[in-house]
Amino acid sequence: MTIYCPISELPERQMAALADGARFTMARVDGTLRAYEYEWPDLTITINVMLESKHPGHLDGLIAYAHNLAKARGVELQPEMIQRMRSMRLVLGIMVHPDFDEESRFQRLETLIGTICFNTQSLLFWEGDILDENARPILVKPA
């Protein structure tokens, strides 16, 4: 799971408030934010912050994947969506331990990711699909 945000930083106060009952920490290395972590007794969600220097290559890979996905689905990847992908300024990789198969753990993960994506107008890569801020696939044939 990866979140692609069009903003360069997520406010600490809002990030801390996202997960009721969790212990919230932020990891910094040499003053650079590297991760947000939410820890409950039965679940840990770590949101790793990709170094900005790695964004161009990673976003190129996302766009190439989106082209292939669009082709497989028989739709066109619109130039506006390519521009939106290229404009992402924060890339967040999500790790969950032990897993999110149990319903309450899945709900916490879904709430956390959904809130971040909706509030920041982010894109989400989840289980092979690219979703918008409302968790709708971006590459579908018009109805």
N, C-alpha and C. Protein backbone atom coordinates (compact mmCIF):
# COMPACT_ATOMS: atom_id res chain seq x y z
N MET A 1 0.85 -1.17 0.00
CA MET A 1 0.00 0.00 0.00
C MET A 1 0.89 1.23 0.00
N THR A 2 0.56 2.14 -0.88
CA THR A 2 1.32 3.38 -0.98
C THR A 2 0.36 4.54 -1.18
N ILE A 3 0.61 5.61 -0.43
CA ILE A 3 -0.17 6.84 -0.57
C ILE A 3 0.70 7.86 -1.29
N TYR A 4 0.10 8.54 -2.26
CA TYR A 4 0.78 9.59 -3.02
C TYR A 4 0.08 10.91 -2.72
N CYS A 5 0.76 11.78 -1.98
CA CYS A 5 0.16 13.04 -1.53
C CYS A 5 0.67 14.23 -2.36
N PRO A 6 -0.22 15.16 -2.66
CA PRO A 6 0.20 16.36 -3.40
C PRO A 6 0.79 17.44 -2.49
N ILE A 7 0.91 17.16 -1.20
CA ILE A 7 1.52 18.11 -0.27
C ILE A 7 2.83 17.52 0.24
N SER A 8 3.72 18.35 0.70
CA SER A 8 5.05 17.87 1.06
C SER A 8 5.18 17.43 2.51
N GLU A 9 4.19 17.74 3.33
CA GLU A 9 4.28 17.38 4.74
C GLU A 9 2.89 17.22 5.32
N LEU A 10 2.75 16.25 6.20
CA LEU A 10 1.48 16.04 6.89
C LEU A 10 1.62 16.62 8.30
N PRO A 11 0.66 17.43 8.73
CA PRO A 11 0.77 18.09 10.04
C PRO A 11 0.81 17.08 11.19
N GLU A 12 1.78 17.24 12.05
CA GLU A 12 1.98 16.30 13.16
C GLU A 12 0.73 16.19 14.04
N ARG A 13 0.14 17.30 14.39
CA ARG A 13 -1.02 17.28 15.28
C ARG A 13 -2.18 16.46 14.68
N GLN A 14 -2.44 16.67 13.40
CA GLN A 14 -3.52 15.92 12.74
C GLN A 14 -3.16 14.44 12.59
N MET A 15 -1.90 14.16 12.30
CA MET A 15 -1.48 12.76 12.18
C MET A 15 -1.61 12.04 13.52
N ALA A 16 -1.27 12.72 14.61
CA ALA A 16 -1.38 12.12 15.94
C ALA A 16 -2.83 11.84 16.30
N ALA A 17 -3.75 12.66 15.82
CA ALA A 17 -5.16 12.51 16.16
C ALA A 17 -5.89 11.45 15.33
N LEU A 18 -5.23 10.89 14.33
CA LEU A 18 -5.90 9.97 13.41
C LEU A 18 -6.27 8.62 14.01
N ALA A 19 -5.56 8.17 14.98
CA ALA A 19 -5.76 6.80 15.45
C ALA A 19 -6.06 6.80 16.95
N ASP A 20 -7.31 6.83 17.28
CA ASP A 20 -7.76 6.84 18.66
C ASP A 20 -7.25 5.60 19.39
N GLY A 21 -6.65 5.82 20.53
CA GLY A 21 -6.18 4.71 21.35
C GLY A 21 -4.82 4.16 21.00
N ALA A 22 -4.20 4.67 19.94
CA ALA A 22 -2.88 4.19 19.54
C ALA A 22 -1.79 5.07 20.13
N ARG A 23 -0.64 4.48 20.34
CA ARG A 23 0.55 5.27 20.70
C ARG A 23 1.12 5.77 19.37
N PHE A 24 1.29 7.07 19.25
CA PHE A 24 1.76 7.68 18.00
C PHE A 24 3.18 8.17 18.19
N THR A 25 4.05 7.83 17.24
CA THR A 25 5.42 8.35 17.25
C THR A 25 5.82 8.74 15.83
N MET A 26 6.81 9.61 15.76
CA MET A 26 7.40 10.00 14.48
C MET A 26 8.88 9.72 14.56
N ALA A 27 9.43 9.10 13.52
CA ALA A 27 10.85 8.78 13.48
C ALA A 27 11.56 9.76 12.55
N ARG A 28 12.63 10.34 13.05
CA ARG A 28 13.44 11.25 12.25
C ARG A 28 14.87 10.74 12.22
N VAL A 29 15.50 10.90 11.07
CA VAL A 29 16.91 10.57 10.91
C VAL A 29 17.59 11.82 10.39
N ASP A 30 18.57 12.29 11.14
CA ASP A 30 19.28 13.53 10.79
C ASP A 30 18.31 14.67 10.52
N GLY A 31 17.25 14.75 11.33
CA GLY A 31 16.28 15.82 11.21
C GLY A 31 15.24 15.64 10.12
N THR A 32 15.33 14.57 9.36
CA THR A 32 14.39 14.31 8.27
C THR A 32 13.35 13.29 8.73
N LEU A 33 12.09 13.62 8.55
CA LEU A 33 11.02 12.70 8.91
C LEU A 33 11.10 11.46 8.04
N ARG A 34 11.14 10.31 8.69
CA ARG A 34 11.25 9.04 7.96
C ARG A 34 10.04 8.13 8.15
N ALA A 35 9.28 8.31 9.26
CA ALA A 35 8.13 7.43 9.48
C ALA A 35 7.18 7.98 10.53
N TYR A 36 5.93 7.59 10.36
CA TYR A 36 4.90 7.77 11.38
C TYR A 36 4.56 6.36 11.85
N GLU A 37 4.34 6.19 13.15
CA GLU A 37 3.98 4.86 13.62
C GLU A 37 2.82 4.95 14.60
N TYR A 38 1.87 4.04 14.39
CA TYR A 38 0.69 3.90 15.24
C TYR A 38 0.74 2.52 15.84
N GLU A 39 0.70 2.47 17.18
CA GLU A 39 0.82 1.16 17.83
C GLU A 39 -0.32 0.95 18.83
N TRP A 40 -1.08 -0.10 18.56
CA TRP A 40 -2.09 -0.60 19.49
C TRP A 40 -1.54 -1.90 20.07
N PRO A 41 -2.15 -2.45 21.11
CA PRO A 41 -1.65 -3.73 21.64
C PRO A 41 -1.64 -4.86 20.60
N ASP A 42 -2.58 -4.83 19.64
CA ASP A 42 -2.70 -5.93 18.68
C ASP A 42 -2.32 -5.56 17.25
N LEU A 43 -1.85 -4.34 17.02
CA LEU A 43 -1.60 -3.88 15.66
C LEU A 43 -0.59 -2.74 15.64
N THR A 44 0.31 -2.79 14.68
CA THR A 44 1.23 -1.68 14.45
C THR A 44 1.14 -1.29 12.98
N ILE A 45 0.91 -0.02 12.72
CA ILE A 45 0.91 0.52 11.36
C ILE A 45 2.06 1.50 11.27
N THR A 46 2.98 1.22 10.37
CA THR A 46 4.11 2.11 10.14
C THR A 46 3.94 2.73 8.76
N ILE A 47 4.02 4.04 8.71
CA ILE A 47 3.91 4.78 7.45
C ILE A 47 5.28 5.37 7.17
N ASN A 48 6.01 4.74 6.26
CA ASN A 48 7.36 5.18 5.91
C ASN A 48 7.30 6.31 4.90
N VAL A 49 8.13 7.32 5.12
CA VAL A 49 8.19 8.49 4.25
C VAL A 49 9.37 8.30 3.29
N MET A 50 9.07 8.23 2.00
CA MET A 50 10.12 8.06 1.00
C MET A 50 10.96 9.34 0.90
N LEU A 51 12.25 9.16 0.78
CA LEU A 51 13.13 10.31 0.57
C LEU A 51 12.74 11.02 -0.72
N GLU A 52 12.74 12.32 -0.67
CA GLU A 52 12.34 13.12 -1.83
C GLU A 52 13.19 12.82 -3.06
N SER A 53 14.46 12.50 -2.85
CA SER A 53 15.35 12.21 -3.98
C SER A 53 14.93 10.96 -4.76
N LYS A 54 14.13 10.10 -4.15
CA LYS A 54 13.67 8.88 -4.81
C LYS A 54 12.33 9.06 -5.52
N HIS A 55 11.67 10.19 -5.33
CA HIS A 55 10.35 10.41 -5.92
C HIS A 55 10.32 10.31 -7.44
N PRO A 56 11.23 10.99 -8.17
CA PRO A 56 11.10 10.97 -9.64
C PRO A 56 11.07 9.56 -10.23
N GLY A 57 11.98 8.71 -9.84
CA GLY A 57 12.01 7.35 -10.37
C GLY A 57 10.79 6.55 -9.93
N HIS A 58 10.39 6.72 -8.70
CA HIS A 58 9.21 6.00 -8.21
C HIS A 58 7.95 6.44 -8.93
N LEU A 59 7.79 7.75 -9.13
CA LEU A 59 6.60 8.26 -9.83
C LEU A 59 6.61 7.83 -11.30
N ASP A 60 7.79 7.77 -11.91
CA ASP A 60 7.88 7.24 -13.28
C ASP A 60 7.37 5.80 -13.32
N GLY A 61 7.73 5.01 -12.30
CA GLY A 61 7.26 3.63 -12.22
C GLY A 61 5.76 3.55 -12.02
N LEU A 62 5.20 4.44 -11.20
CA LEU A 62 3.75 4.49 -11.00
C LEU A 62 3.04 4.80 -12.31
N ILE A 63 3.55 5.76 -13.05
CA ILE A 63 2.93 6.16 -14.32
C ILE A 63 3.03 5.01 -15.33
N ALA A 64 4.16 4.35 -15.40
CA ALA A 64 4.30 3.19 -16.30
C ALA A 64 3.32 2.10 -15.91
N TYR A 65 3.18 1.84 -14.63
CA TYR A 65 2.21 0.84 -14.16
C TYR A 65 0.79 1.26 -14.55
N ALA A 66 0.47 2.54 -14.36
CA ALA A 66 -0.87 3.04 -14.71
C ALA A 66 -1.13 2.90 -16.20
N HIS A 67 -0.13 3.15 -17.04
CA HIS A 67 -0.29 2.95 -18.50
C HIS A 67 -0.63 1.49 -18.80
N ASN A 68 0.10 0.57 -18.18
CA ASN A 68 -0.15 -0.86 -18.41
C ASN A 68 -1.52 -1.27 -17.90
N LEU A 69 -1.90 -0.77 -16.74
CA LEU A 69 -3.21 -1.09 -16.17
C LEU A 69 -4.33 -0.55 -17.06
N ALA A 70 -4.15 0.68 -17.54
CA ALA A 70 -5.15 1.29 -18.42
C ALA A 70 -5.30 0.46 -19.71
N LYS A 71 -4.18 0.07 -20.27
CA LYS A 71 -4.21 -0.72 -21.50
C LYS A 71 -4.92 -2.05 -21.26
N ALA A 72 -4.62 -2.70 -20.14
CA ALA A 72 -5.26 -3.98 -19.82
C ALA A 72 -6.76 -3.82 -19.64
N ARG A 73 -7.19 -2.66 -19.17
CA ARG A 73 -8.62 -2.43 -18.92
C ARG A 73 -9.32 -1.78 -20.11
N GLY A 74 -8.55 -1.49 -21.16
CA GLY A 74 -9.15 -0.90 -22.35
C GLY A 74 -9.57 0.55 -22.18
N VAL A 75 -8.85 1.28 -21.33
CA VAL A 75 -9.13 2.70 -21.13
C VAL A 75 -7.86 3.50 -21.40
N GLU A 76 -8.02 4.80 -21.55
CA GLU A 76 -6.87 5.66 -21.79
C GLU A 76 -6.47 6.36 -20.50
N LEU A 77 -5.18 6.39 -20.26
CA LEU A 77 -4.66 7.15 -19.13
C LEU A 77 -4.61 8.61 -19.56
N GLN A 78 -5.46 9.41 -18.99
CA GLN A 78 -5.61 10.80 -19.40
C GLN A 78 -4.40 11.64 -19.00
N PRO A 79 -4.02 12.62 -19.84
CA PRO A 79 -2.89 13.48 -19.51
C PRO A 79 -3.05 14.19 -18.16
N GLU A 80 -4.28 14.52 -17.79
CA GLU A 80 -4.52 15.18 -16.50
C GLU A 80 -4.14 14.26 -15.34
N MET A 81 -4.39 12.96 -15.50
CA MET A 81 -4.04 12.01 -14.44
C MET A 81 -2.53 11.82 -14.38
N ILE A 82 -1.88 11.80 -15.53
CA ILE A 82 -0.41 11.71 -15.53
C ILE A 82 0.17 12.92 -14.82
N GLN A 83 -0.35 14.10 -15.11
CA GLN A 83 0.12 15.32 -14.45
C GLN A 83 -0.14 15.24 -12.95
N ARG A 84 -1.30 14.74 -12.58
CA ARG A 84 -1.61 14.60 -11.14
C ARG A 84 -0.60 13.68 -10.48
N MET A 85 -0.28 12.56 -11.12
CA MET A 85 0.70 11.63 -10.55
C MET A 85 2.07 12.29 -10.42
N ARG A 86 2.47 13.02 -11.44
CA ARG A 86 3.79 13.67 -11.41
C ARG A 86 3.87 14.77 -10.35
N SER A 87 2.72 15.32 -9.97
CA SER A 87 2.73 16.43 -9.01
C SER A 87 2.80 15.98 -7.56
N MET A 88 2.83 14.69 -7.31
CA MET A 88 2.85 14.20 -5.94
C MET A 88 4.17 14.57 -5.26
N ARG A 89 4.06 15.09 -4.04
CA ARG A 89 5.23 15.60 -3.34
C ARG A 89 5.62 14.79 -2.12
N LEU A 90 4.78 13.79 -1.77
CA LEU A 90 5.04 12.96 -0.61
C LEU A 90 4.59 11.54 -0.94
N VAL A 91 5.48 10.58 -0.75
CA VAL A 91 5.17 9.18 -1.03
C VAL A 91 5.31 8.42 0.28
N LEU A 92 4.21 7.75 0.66
CA LEU A 92 4.15 7.06 1.94
C LEU A 92 3.91 5.57 1.73
N GLY A 93 4.82 4.76 2.21
CA GLY A 93 4.68 3.31 2.14
C GLY A 93 4.14 2.79 3.45
N ILE A 94 3.11 1.96 3.40
CA ILE A 94 2.42 1.50 4.61
C ILE A 94 2.76 0.05 4.89
N MET A 95 3.17 -0.19 6.13
CA MET A 95 3.46 -1.54 6.59
C MET A 95 2.54 -1.83 7.77
N VAL A 96 1.99 -3.05 7.80
CA VAL A 96 1.06 -3.44 8.85
C VAL A 96 1.57 -4.73 9.48
N HIS A 97 1.58 -4.74 10.83
CA HIS A 97 2.02 -5.95 11.53
C HIS A 97 1.06 -6.21 12.68
N PRO A 98 0.56 -7.40 12.87
CA PRO A 98 0.94 -8.61 12.18
C PRO A 98 0.28 -8.72 10.81
N ASP A 99 -0.97 -8.36 10.67
CA ASP A 99 -1.67 -8.35 9.40
C ASP A 99 -2.96 -7.58 9.63
N PHE A 100 -3.79 -7.47 8.63
CA PHE A 100 -5.05 -6.76 8.83
C PHE A 100 -6.24 -7.63 8.44
N ASP A 101 -6.06 -8.96 8.57
CA ASP A 101 -7.14 -9.88 8.24
C ASP A 101 -8.31 -9.80 9.22
N GLU A 102 -8.02 -9.57 10.48
CA GLU A 102 -9.07 -9.47 11.49
C GLU A 102 -9.82 -8.15 11.28
N GLU A 103 -11.14 -8.17 11.39
CA GLU A 103 -12.00 -7.04 11.02
C GLU A 103 -11.65 -5.73 11.73
N SER A 104 -11.41 -5.76 13.03
CA SER A 104 -11.14 -4.49 13.73
C SER A 104 -9.80 -3.90 13.30
N ARG A 105 -8.82 -4.75 13.00
CA ARG A 105 -7.52 -4.24 12.51
C ARG A 105 -7.70 -3.64 11.13
N PHE A 106 -8.48 -4.31 10.27
CA PHE A 106 -8.73 -3.78 8.93
C PHE A 106 -9.44 -2.42 9.01
N GLN A 107 -10.42 -2.30 9.90
CA GLN A 107 -11.14 -1.04 10.05
C GLN A 107 -10.22 0.10 10.47
N ARG A 108 -9.30 -0.17 11.38
CA ARG A 108 -8.34 0.87 11.81
C ARG A 108 -7.44 1.28 10.66
N LEU A 109 -6.95 0.30 9.91
CA LEU A 109 -6.10 0.60 8.75
C LEU A 109 -6.89 1.40 7.72
N GLU A 110 -8.09 0.94 7.40
CA GLU A 110 -8.92 1.60 6.39
C GLU A 110 -9.25 3.04 6.81
N THR A 111 -9.56 3.25 8.08
CA THR A 111 -9.87 4.59 8.57
C THR A 111 -8.65 5.50 8.47
N LEU A 112 -7.51 5.00 8.88
CA LEU A 112 -6.28 5.78 8.84
C LEU A 112 -5.94 6.19 7.40
N ILE A 113 -5.90 5.22 6.50
CA ILE A 113 -5.57 5.50 5.10
C ILE A 113 -6.63 6.38 4.45
N GLY A 114 -7.89 6.05 4.68
CA GLY A 114 -8.97 6.82 4.07
C GLY A 114 -8.96 8.27 4.50
N THR A 115 -8.69 8.51 5.78
CA THR A 115 -8.66 9.89 6.28
C THR A 115 -7.51 10.67 5.66
N ILE A 116 -6.34 10.06 5.59
CA ILE A 116 -5.19 10.74 4.98
C ILE A 116 -5.50 11.06 3.52
N CYS A 117 -5.97 10.06 2.78
CA CYS A 117 -6.22 10.26 1.34
C CYS A 117 -7.29 11.30 1.09
N PHE A 118 -8.39 11.21 1.80
CA PHE A 118 -9.49 12.15 1.59
C PHE A 118 -9.08 13.58 1.94
N ASN A 119 -8.43 13.75 3.08
CA ASN A 119 -8.07 15.09 3.54
C ASN A 119 -6.96 15.75 2.74
N THR A 120 -6.18 14.95 2.03
CA THR A 120 -5.06 15.52 1.27
C THR A 120 -5.24 15.39 -0.25
N GLN A 121 -6.38 14.84 -0.68
CA GLN A 121 -6.64 14.62 -2.10
C GLN A 121 -5.56 13.73 -2.73
N SER A 122 -5.19 12.68 -2.01
CA SER A 122 -4.11 11.79 -2.42
C SER A 122 -4.61 10.65 -3.29
N LEU A 123 -3.67 10.00 -3.94
CA LEU A 123 -3.92 8.75 -4.65
C LEU A 123 -3.42 7.62 -3.77
N LEU A 124 -3.99 6.43 -3.98
CA LEU A 124 -3.62 5.27 -3.18
C LEU A 124 -3.39 4.08 -4.10
N PHE A 125 -2.27 3.42 -3.93
CA PHE A 125 -2.00 2.15 -4.60
C PHE A 125 -2.34 1.06 -3.61
N TRP A 126 -3.36 0.25 -3.92
CA TRP A 126 -3.85 -0.77 -2.99
C TRP A 126 -4.20 -2.02 -3.79
N GLU A 127 -3.58 -3.12 -3.45
CA GLU A 127 -3.85 -4.42 -4.06
C GLU A 127 -3.89 -4.37 -5.59
N GLY A 128 -2.91 -3.71 -6.18
CA GLY A 128 -2.77 -3.69 -7.63
C GLY A 128 -3.59 -2.65 -8.34
N ASP A 129 -4.35 -1.85 -7.62
CA ASP A 129 -5.18 -0.82 -8.26
C ASP A 129 -4.74 0.55 -7.77
N ILE A 130 -5.08 1.56 -8.54
CA ILE A 130 -4.80 2.95 -8.18
C ILE A 130 -6.15 3.61 -7.91
N LEU A 131 -6.29 4.12 -6.69
CA LEU A 131 -7.55 4.68 -6.24
C LEU A 131 -7.42 6.18 -6.00
N ASP A 132 -8.55 6.89 -6.15
CA ASP A 132 -8.53 8.32 -5.85
C ASP A 132 -8.77 8.55 -4.36
N GLU A 133 -8.93 9.81 -3.98
CA GLU A 133 -9.10 10.17 -2.57
C GLU A 133 -10.40 9.64 -1.96
N ASN A 134 -11.30 9.18 -2.79
CA ASN A 134 -12.57 8.59 -2.32
C ASN A 134 -12.57 7.07 -2.44
N ALA A 135 -11.39 6.49 -2.64
CA ALA A 135 -11.21 5.04 -2.76
C ALA A 135 -11.89 4.45 -3.99
N ARG A 136 -12.02 5.26 -5.05
CA ARG A 136 -12.58 4.78 -6.32
C ARG A 136 -11.43 4.55 -7.30
N PRO A 137 -11.47 3.44 -8.04
CA PRO A 137 -10.43 3.20 -9.06
C PRO A 137 -10.41 4.34 -10.07
N ILE A 138 -9.21 4.79 -10.44
CA ILE A 138 -9.12 5.91 -11.40
C ILE A 138 -9.14 5.44 -12.84
N LEU A 139 -8.92 4.15 -13.06
CA LEU A 139 -8.84 3.65 -14.44
C LEU A 139 -9.97 2.67 -14.70
N VAL A 140 -11.13 3.22 -15.00
CA VAL A 140 -12.31 2.42 -15.31
C VAL A 140 -12.98 2.99 -16.54
N LYS A 141 -13.67 2.11 -17.26
CA LYS A 141 -14.43 2.56 -18.43
C LYS A 141 -15.61 3.40 -17.94
N PRO A 142 -15.88 4.50 -18.64
CA PRO A 142 -17.05 5.32 -18.27
C PRO A 142 -18.34 4.50 -18.40
N ALA A 143 -19.26 4.78 -17.52
CA ALA A 143 -20.56 4.05 -17.55
C ALA A 143 -21.41 4.49 -18.70
